[in-house]
Protein backbone atom coordinates (compact mmCIF):
# COMPACT_ATOMS: atom_id res chain seq x y z
CA MET A 1 56.62 -75.27 -26.00
CA GLY A 2 60.16 -74.81 -27.27
CA PHE A 3 63.26 -74.79 -25.13
CA PHE A 4 64.08 -71.17 -25.92
CA ASP A 5 60.55 -70.05 -25.07
CA ARG A 6 60.81 -71.72 -21.67
CA LEU A 7 64.26 -70.23 -21.12
CA SER A 8 63.03 -66.77 -22.08
CA ARG A 9 60.06 -67.03 -19.71
CA LEU A 10 62.32 -68.26 -16.90
CA LEU A 11 64.74 -65.38 -17.40
CA ARG A 12 61.91 -62.82 -17.44
CA ALA A 13 60.40 -64.32 -14.28
CA ASN A 14 63.73 -64.23 -12.44
CA LEU A 15 64.47 -60.69 -13.59
CA ASN A 16 61.02 -59.50 -12.51
CA ASP A 17 61.52 -61.16 -9.13
CA LEU A 18 64.92 -59.50 -8.70
CA VAL A 19 63.51 -56.12 -9.67
CA SER A 20 60.59 -56.51 -7.25
CA LYS A 21 62.92 -57.42 -4.39
CA ALA A 22 65.30 -54.57 -5.23
CA GLU A 23 62.53 -51.96 -5.30
CA ASP A 24 62.71 -49.58 -2.36
CA PRO A 25 59.43 -47.63 -1.99
CA GLY A 26 61.23 -44.60 -0.61
CA LYS A 27 63.74 -44.46 -3.46
CA ILE A 28 61.07 -45.11 -6.08
CA LEU A 29 58.95 -42.26 -4.69
CA ASP A 30 61.94 -39.89 -4.73
CA GLN A 31 62.77 -40.88 -8.30
CA SER A 32 59.14 -40.44 -9.37
CA VAL A 33 59.10 -36.89 -8.02
CA THR A 34 62.44 -36.22 -9.74
CA ASP A 35 61.01 -37.48 -13.04
CA MET A 36 57.95 -35.25 -12.64
CA GLN A 37 60.24 -32.30 -11.96
CA ALA A 38 62.10 -33.06 -15.20
CA ASP A 39 58.78 -33.23 -17.07
CA LEU A 40 57.82 -29.90 -15.52
CA VAL A 41 61.01 -28.29 -16.81
CA LYS A 42 60.33 -29.62 -20.32
CA LEU A 43 56.74 -28.42 -20.20
CA ARG A 44 57.82 -24.96 -19.10
CA GLN A 45 60.24 -24.82 -22.01
CA ALA A 46 57.45 -25.88 -24.38
CA VAL A 47 55.14 -23.20 -22.99
CA ALA A 48 57.86 -20.57 -23.34
CA THR A 49 58.50 -21.62 -26.95
CA ALA A 50 54.77 -21.54 -27.73
CA ILE A 51 54.39 -18.08 -26.21
CA ALA A 52 57.39 -16.80 -28.19
CA SER A 53 55.90 -18.23 -31.40
CA GLN A 54 52.56 -16.64 -30.55
CA LYS A 55 54.17 -13.24 -30.14
CA ARG A 56 56.09 -13.61 -33.41
CA ILE A 57 52.94 -14.53 -35.33
CA LYS A 58 51.09 -11.65 -33.74
CA ASN A 59 53.81 -9.21 -34.82
CA GLN A 60 53.77 -10.62 -38.34
CA ALA A 61 49.98 -10.31 -38.49
CA GLU A 62 50.14 -6.71 -37.30
CA GLN A 63 52.81 -5.91 -39.89
CA ALA A 64 50.69 -7.51 -42.64
CA ASP A 65 47.70 -5.45 -41.52
CA ALA A 66 49.81 -2.31 -41.58
CA GLN A 67 51.14 -3.07 -45.08
CA SER A 68 47.63 -3.82 -46.30
CA LYS A 69 46.45 -0.45 -45.00
CA THR A 70 49.45 1.34 -46.53
CA TRP A 71 48.90 -0.13 -49.99
CA TYR A 72 45.21 0.72 -49.82
CA GLU A 73 46.08 4.34 -49.11
CA ARG A 74 48.52 4.31 -52.04
CA ALA A 75 45.83 2.93 -54.33
CA GLU A 76 43.57 5.82 -53.32
CA LEU A 77 46.36 8.31 -53.98
CA ALA A 78 47.16 6.85 -57.43
CA LEU A 79 43.49 6.84 -58.39
CA LYS A 80 43.15 10.48 -57.35
CA LYS A 81 46.13 11.34 -59.55
CA GLY A 82 44.57 9.52 -62.48
CA GLU A 83 47.06 6.68 -62.32
CA GLU A 84 44.59 3.84 -62.65
CA ASP A 85 47.20 1.20 -63.52
CA LEU A 86 49.28 2.22 -60.53
CA ALA A 87 46.20 2.12 -58.35
CA ARG A 88 45.41 -1.39 -59.61
CA GLU A 89 48.96 -2.52 -58.75
CA ALA A 90 48.66 -1.01 -55.29
CA LEU A 91 45.38 -2.84 -54.69
CA SER A 92 47.04 -6.07 -55.83
CA ARG A 93 49.80 -5.59 -53.26
CA ARG A 94 47.19 -4.74 -50.64
CA LYS A 95 45.37 -7.99 -51.43
CA THR A 96 48.57 -9.99 -50.93
CA TYR A 97 49.24 -8.44 -47.52
CA GLN A 98 45.59 -8.77 -46.61
CA ASP A 99 45.62 -12.52 -47.36
CA THR A 100 48.85 -12.89 -45.42
CA ALA A 101 47.35 -11.05 -42.44
CA THR A 102 44.25 -13.24 -42.57
CA ALA A 103 46.36 -16.41 -42.54
CA LEU A 104 48.52 -15.08 -39.73
CA HIS A 105 45.48 -14.18 -37.63
CA SER A 106 44.11 -17.67 -38.14
CA GLN A 107 47.46 -19.16 -37.12
CA LEU A 108 47.58 -16.77 -34.18
CA ASN A 109 44.21 -18.00 -32.93
CA SER A 110 45.36 -21.60 -33.20
CA GLN A 111 48.64 -20.81 -31.45
CA SER A 112 46.81 -18.97 -28.68
CA GLY A 113 44.68 -22.06 -28.07
CA GLN A 114 47.78 -24.25 -27.86
CA VAL A 115 49.43 -21.82 -25.46
CA GLU A 116 46.38 -21.85 -23.19
CA THR A 117 46.33 -25.66 -23.24
CA LEU A 118 50.02 -25.81 -22.37
CA LYS A 119 49.55 -23.30 -19.56
CA LYS A 120 46.73 -25.39 -18.08
CA SER A 121 48.86 -28.53 -18.36
CA LEU A 122 51.71 -26.68 -16.66
CA LEU A 123 49.51 -25.59 -13.77
CA ALA A 124 48.07 -29.10 -13.43
CA LEU A 125 51.54 -30.67 -13.38
CA GLU A 126 52.76 -28.16 -10.81
CA GLY A 127 49.77 -29.03 -8.63
CA LYS A 128 50.40 -32.76 -9.01
CA ILE A 129 54.06 -32.33 -8.13
CA ALA A 130 53.19 -30.32 -5.02
CA GLN A 131 50.67 -32.99 -4.03
CA ALA A 132 53.16 -35.76 -4.81
CA LYS A 133 55.81 -34.15 -2.61
CA THR A 134 53.40 -33.99 0.30
CA LYS A 135 52.12 -37.51 -0.29
CA LYS A 136 55.66 -38.83 -0.82
CA ASP A 137 56.69 -38.01 2.74
CA MET A 138 53.54 -39.64 4.09
CA LEU A 139 54.03 -42.78 1.97
CA LYS A 140 57.68 -43.05 2.97
CA ALA A 141 56.70 -42.83 6.64
CA ARG A 142 54.04 -45.52 6.12
CA SER A 143 56.54 -47.70 4.26
CA GLN A 144 59.09 -47.39 7.06
CA ALA A 145 56.42 -48.21 9.65
CA ALA A 146 55.33 -51.26 7.64
CA GLN A 147 58.93 -52.46 7.32
CA ALA A 148 59.48 -52.04 11.07
CA GLN A 149 56.28 -53.97 11.79
CA GLU A 150 57.33 -56.71 9.38
CA GLN A 151 60.75 -57.00 11.02
CA LEU A 152 59.11 -57.15 14.45
CA GLN A 153 56.74 -59.91 13.36
CA SER A 154 59.64 -61.81 11.81
CA ALA A 155 61.62 -61.53 15.04
CA VAL A 156 58.66 -62.73 17.11
CA SER A 157 58.06 -65.64 14.73
CA SER A 158 61.70 -66.71 14.85
CA MET A 159 61.87 -66.66 18.66
CA GLY A 160 60.47 -70.19 18.82
CA THR A 161 63.30 -71.61 16.74
CA ASN A 162 66.03 -69.21 17.78
CA SER A 163 69.03 -70.97 19.32
CA ALA A 164 69.45 -68.32 22.02
CA MET A 165 65.80 -68.61 23.01
CA ALA A 166 66.03 -72.40 22.98
CA ALA A 167 69.10 -72.26 25.24
CA PHE A 168 67.26 -69.92 27.60
CA ASP A 169 64.30 -72.31 27.82
CA GLN A 170 66.67 -75.23 28.39
CA MET A 171 68.39 -73.46 31.29
CA GLU A 172 65.03 -72.57 32.78
CA GLU A 173 64.02 -76.23 32.67
CA LYS A 174 67.33 -77.19 34.29
CA VAL A 175 66.76 -74.74 37.15
CA LEU A 176 63.28 -76.16 37.69
CA GLN A 177 64.75 -79.67 37.86
CA GLN A 178 67.37 -78.54 40.39
CA GLU A 179 64.66 -76.96 42.54
CA ALA A 180 62.61 -80.16 42.36
CA ARG A 181 65.60 -82.28 43.46
CA SER A 182 66.33 -79.87 46.31
CA GLU A 183 62.74 -80.03 47.54
CA ALA A 184 62.76 -83.84 47.29
CA ALA A 185 66.01 -84.05 49.29
CA ALA A 186 64.57 -81.76 51.96
CA GLU A 187 61.46 -83.92 52.22
CA LEU A 188 63.55 -87.09 52.50
CA ALA A 189 65.75 -85.54 55.18
CA GLY A 190 62.70 -84.48 57.16
CA ALA A 191 61.14 -87.93 56.84
CA ASP A 192 64.37 -89.62 58.01
CA LEU A 193 64.55 -87.30 61.01
CA GLU A 194 60.95 -88.08 61.91
CA SER A 195 61.63 -91.80 61.66
CA GLN A 196 64.66 -91.46 63.96
CA PHE A 197 62.64 -89.66 66.61
CA ALA A 198 59.82 -92.17 66.23
CA SER A 199 62.35 -94.97 66.72
CA LEU A 200 63.72 -93.33 69.84
CA GLU A 201 60.26 -92.80 71.25
CA GLY A 202 59.24 -96.37 70.44
CA GLY A 203 62.50 -97.71 71.90
CA SER A 204 61.81 -95.98 75.20
CA ASP A 205 58.49 -97.82 75.58
CA VAL A 206 60.10 -101.14 74.76
CA ASP A 207 62.93 -100.54 77.24
CA ASP A 208 60.42 -99.69 79.97
CA GLU A 209 58.45 -102.83 79.24
CA LEU A 210 61.65 -104.91 79.24
CA ALA A 211 62.73 -103.46 82.61
CA ALA A 212 59.33 -104.20 84.10
CA LEU A 213 59.46 -107.74 82.77
CA LYS A 214 62.94 -108.32 84.21
CA ASN A 215 61.83 -106.94 87.56
CA ARG A 216 58.85 -109.28 87.63
CA LEU A 217 60.97 -112.28 86.73
CA GLU A 218 63.47 -111.43 89.45
CA GLY A 219 60.65 -111.31 91.99
CA GLY A 220 60.88 -107.63 92.75
CA PRO A 221 58.16 -105.84 94.63
CA SER A 222 56.91 -104.09 91.55
CA ALA A 223 56.36 -107.37 89.77
CA LEU A 224 53.17 -108.16 91.67
CA PRO A 225 50.11 -106.01 91.77
CA LEU A 226 48.95 -104.62 95.11
CA LEU A 227 46.15 -106.68 96.66
CA SER A 228 43.47 -105.52 99.00
CA ALA A 229 42.54 -107.35 102.19
CA ASP A 230 39.45 -108.84 100.60
CA THR A 231 41.25 -110.06 97.49
CA PRO A 232 42.15 -113.74 97.62
CA THR A 233 45.84 -114.49 97.23
CA PRO A 234 46.52 -115.86 93.75
CA VAL A 235 48.41 -119.06 93.35
CA LEU A 236 51.62 -118.46 91.36
CA GLU A 237 52.72 -121.14 89.02
CA PRO A 238 56.42 -121.88 88.76
CA VAL A 239 58.13 -119.83 86.02
CA LYS A 240 59.62 -121.72 83.13
CA VAL A 241 63.04 -120.16 82.60
CA ALA A 242 63.49 -121.52 79.07
CA GLU A 243 60.26 -119.96 77.84
CA VAL A 244 61.15 -116.63 79.40
CA ASN A 245 64.60 -116.64 77.83
CA ALA A 246 63.08 -117.44 74.44
CA GLU A 247 60.61 -114.59 74.74
CA LEU A 248 63.42 -112.28 75.84
CA GLU A 249 65.50 -113.15 72.80
CA GLU A 250 62.52 -112.55 70.56
CA LEU A 251 62.01 -109.11 72.10
CA LYS A 252 65.68 -108.29 71.54
CA ARG A 253 65.43 -109.25 67.91
CA SER A 254 62.33 -107.09 67.56
CA ILE A 255 64.18 -104.16 69.11
CA ASP A 256 67.18 -104.66 66.82
CA LYS A 257 64.94 -104.52 63.78
CA LEU A 258 63.58 -101.11 64.76
């Protein structure tokens, strides 16, 4: 394949593509109806010309018939007067007009057929134009609806990659993250408050136990359990102060860790 053939094909392809993209269905339909209207005007002119020619041929045929009849009557008159040569000349003229009339009648029949054909074509074109005008409005409405639908589908398809839509989704995600952090902070604050109250409640028990232990070590009345008359008196062993102090320090450290 030669270079110029390829170049020619490329140019034709690009031109066809440009023409296809530039075509507006509404404008093309309007132009088509306009072209049909122009054809209708030309056809009407052709019909008018054909009818005028038909009338002219008809008049010529009638005149030839009249002349043929006139020369026949003259031939009769000349023959009655004994003018045989004159009668022969009159019949010769009659024959000429008679042949002319015959040819004109034949042409008239042909012209009449053409006129009828043109009239039928004119009526058919008028009907097509009327139908095209009605259909044109419907097709233009359908074309506009199709274009609107195509634009809508294009807009919906581009929403996924649209920067504004992407920014909207990003801000929505950010709000969700803020809400999650707020809920987490609230849960942590509630848990800390619960732990503080639990510490206070636990500390109260430890303090009570520590007070009871101190009271027992100091020999207070609440340190010993109440004994009944039948219960034998227990023998108390001497308290080792060092062990008690060590246990006390351990309890303090336990309390400090809470």
